[in-house]
């Protein structure tokens, strides 16, 4: 799928927000500046959050408990060791949605049922999006 610009990314985020269920995990991979956080912002905004959606690069975890379901936005860019993940409490979020940037820093497949999205630079402002769709997302992906 090609995301031509920020507006296309925003619309994808809106569609993803409508498809989310408690317990869902979406991982977002790709180089710095490719638009992972922009897509997360679109999802969280479409779920009803009206404030700022900062990148959690330094905080690592930014919870949005007021949303239904609650959303935890996680950026693992600064994680240096898989051992650090245990301190974050990400394994106890069965009723929340987990949106994870830089999931490759978490080791070997900690979220086997995640919708795995990859973003890469394409021509100009456009981005190429790939998806690895688990059985739990069958019938929900591609989002419309």
Protein backbone atom coordinates (compact mmCIF):
# COMPACT_ATOMS: atom_id res chain seq x y z
CA UNK A 1 0.00 0.00 0.00
CA UNK A 2 1.28 3.47 -0.84
CA UNK A 3 0.60 6.37 1.53
CA UNK A 4 0.91 9.40 -0.74
CA UNK A 5 1.02 12.06 1.98
CA UNK A 6 0.11 12.92 5.58
CA UNK A 7 -3.59 13.05 4.74
CA UNK A 8 -3.51 9.48 3.44
CA UNK A 9 -1.66 8.43 6.59
CA UNK A 10 -4.29 10.17 8.74
CA UNK A 11 -7.12 8.38 6.93
CA UNK A 12 -5.39 5.02 7.43
CA UNK A 13 -5.06 5.82 11.13
CA UNK A 14 -8.79 6.57 11.33
CA UNK A 15 -9.64 3.26 9.70
CA UNK A 16 -7.28 1.37 12.00
CA UNK A 17 -8.83 3.07 15.04
CA UNK A 18 -12.28 1.79 14.04
CA UNK A 19 -10.95 -1.77 13.69
CA UNK A 20 -9.14 -1.95 17.05
CA UNK A 21 -10.22 -4.30 19.83
CA UNK A 22 -9.01 -4.59 23.43
CA UNK A 23 -5.84 -6.67 23.51
CA UNK A 24 -4.73 -5.72 20.00
CA UNK A 25 -1.08 -4.98 19.34
CA UNK A 26 0.14 -3.06 16.32
CA UNK A 27 3.86 -2.85 15.75
CA UNK A 28 5.38 -0.19 13.51
CA UNK A 29 8.82 -0.64 11.99
CA UNK A 30 10.83 1.60 9.72
CA UNK A 31 13.62 4.15 9.69
CA UNK A 32 13.68 7.42 11.61
CA UNK A 33 11.35 10.03 10.15
CA UNK A 34 9.30 7.65 8.02
CA UNK A 35 5.99 8.41 9.76
CA UNK A 36 5.48 5.79 12.46
CA UNK A 37 4.54 8.38 15.07
CA UNK A 38 2.35 10.25 12.56
CA UNK A 39 0.32 7.09 12.04
CA UNK A 40 0.05 6.50 15.81
CA UNK A 41 -1.10 10.12 16.28
CA UNK A 42 -3.81 9.57 13.69
CA UNK A 43 -5.01 6.40 15.43
CA UNK A 44 -5.09 7.99 18.88
CA UNK A 45 -6.77 11.15 17.57
CA UNK A 46 -9.42 9.10 15.78
CA UNK A 47 -10.10 7.25 19.04
CA UNK A 48 -11.08 10.55 20.65
CA UNK A 49 -7.93 11.97 22.22
CA UNK A 50 -8.02 15.73 21.76
CA UNK A 51 -4.65 16.74 23.20
CA UNK A 52 -1.11 16.44 22.04
CA UNK A 53 0.29 13.01 21.19
CA UNK A 54 4.00 13.34 21.88
CA UNK A 55 6.52 10.82 20.70
CA UNK A 56 7.41 8.68 23.72
CA UNK A 57 11.05 8.41 22.63
CA UNK A 58 12.28 9.54 26.05
CA UNK A 59 9.37 8.44 28.27
CA UNK A 60 9.24 5.10 26.37
CA UNK A 61 5.57 4.56 27.31
CA UNK A 62 2.75 7.08 26.92
CA UNK A 63 -0.61 5.74 28.20
CA UNK A 64 -3.98 7.08 27.08
CA UNK A 65 -6.17 5.55 29.76
CA UNK A 66 -9.13 7.85 29.01
CA UNK A 67 -9.71 6.15 25.65
CA UNK A 68 -11.92 3.13 25.21
CA UNK A 69 -10.15 0.82 24.95
CA UNK A 70 -7.14 2.38 26.66
CA UNK A 71 -4.09 2.80 24.44
CA UNK A 72 -0.44 2.51 25.35
CA UNK A 73 1.92 4.13 22.85
CA UNK A 74 5.37 2.61 23.23
CA UNK A 75 8.61 3.68 21.55
CA UNK A 76 11.41 1.16 22.09
CA UNK A 77 14.06 3.14 20.20
CA UNK A 78 16.05 3.84 23.38
CA UNK A 79 15.77 0.30 24.79
CA UNK A 80 19.28 -1.16 24.95
CA UNK A 81 18.42 -4.60 26.31
CA UNK A 82 15.43 -6.91 26.08
CA UNK A 83 15.69 -7.20 29.88
CA UNK A 84 14.48 -3.60 30.16
CA UNK A 85 11.07 -4.60 28.77
CA UNK A 86 10.06 -6.44 31.94
CA UNK A 87 10.14 -3.13 33.81
CA UNK A 88 7.59 -1.59 31.43
CA UNK A 89 4.71 -3.93 32.30
CA UNK A 90 3.66 -4.40 28.69
CA UNK A 91 2.66 -8.03 29.25
CA UNK A 92 -0.29 -7.12 31.49
CA UNK A 93 -2.36 -5.05 29.07
CA UNK A 94 -5.06 -7.51 27.99
CA UNK A 95 -7.78 -4.84 28.01
CA UNK A 96 -5.73 -2.14 26.29
CA UNK A 97 -4.38 -1.55 22.79
CA UNK A 98 -0.62 -1.52 22.44
CA UNK A 99 0.98 0.55 19.65
CA UNK A 100 4.70 -0.25 19.50
CA UNK A 101 7.32 1.65 17.53
CA UNK A 102 10.70 -0.03 17.01
CA UNK A 103 9.43 -3.53 18.01
CA UNK A 104 12.64 -5.15 16.74
CA UNK A 105 14.31 -3.84 19.92
CA UNK A 106 12.07 -6.17 21.94
CA UNK A 107 13.80 -9.35 20.81
CA UNK A 108 12.29 -12.31 19.04
CA UNK A 109 8.55 -11.91 18.50
CA UNK A 110 7.20 -10.87 21.92
CA UNK A 111 3.80 -10.17 20.34
CA UNK A 112 3.06 -13.11 18.01
CA UNK A 113 -0.52 -11.94 17.32
CA UNK A 114 0.47 -8.37 16.46
CA UNK A 115 -0.49 -6.64 13.25
CA UNK A 116 3.01 -5.84 12.01
CA UNK A 117 3.21 -2.70 9.90
CA UNK A 118 6.37 -1.63 8.11
CA UNK A 119 6.92 1.80 6.64
CA UNK A 120 9.65 2.80 4.20
CA UNK A 121 10.39 5.86 2.16
CA UNK A 122 9.07 5.85 -1.40
CA UNK A 123 9.03 8.68 -3.97
CA UNK A 124 8.78 12.25 -2.66
CA UNK A 125 6.50 12.50 0.38
CA UNK A 126 4.97 9.06 -0.14
CA UNK A 127 5.59 6.01 2.02
CA UNK A 128 5.29 2.30 1.27
CA UNK A 129 3.36 0.37 3.90
CA UNK A 130 3.60 -3.39 4.27
CA UNK A 131 1.56 -5.51 6.64
CA UNK A 132 2.06 -8.91 8.20
CA UNK A 133 -1.48 -9.85 9.17
CA UNK A 134 -2.08 -12.38 11.97
CA UNK A 135 -5.19 -14.59 12.15
CA UNK A 136 -6.75 -12.28 14.76
CA UNK A 137 -6.86 -9.50 12.13
CA UNK A 138 -8.45 -11.60 9.38
CA UNK A 139 -11.59 -9.80 8.26
CA UNK A 140 -10.32 -6.50 9.71
CA UNK A 141 -7.34 -5.99 7.38
CA UNK A 142 -7.15 -4.35 4.98
CA UNK A 143 -9.02 -1.65 6.87
CA UNK A 144 -11.64 0.21 4.88
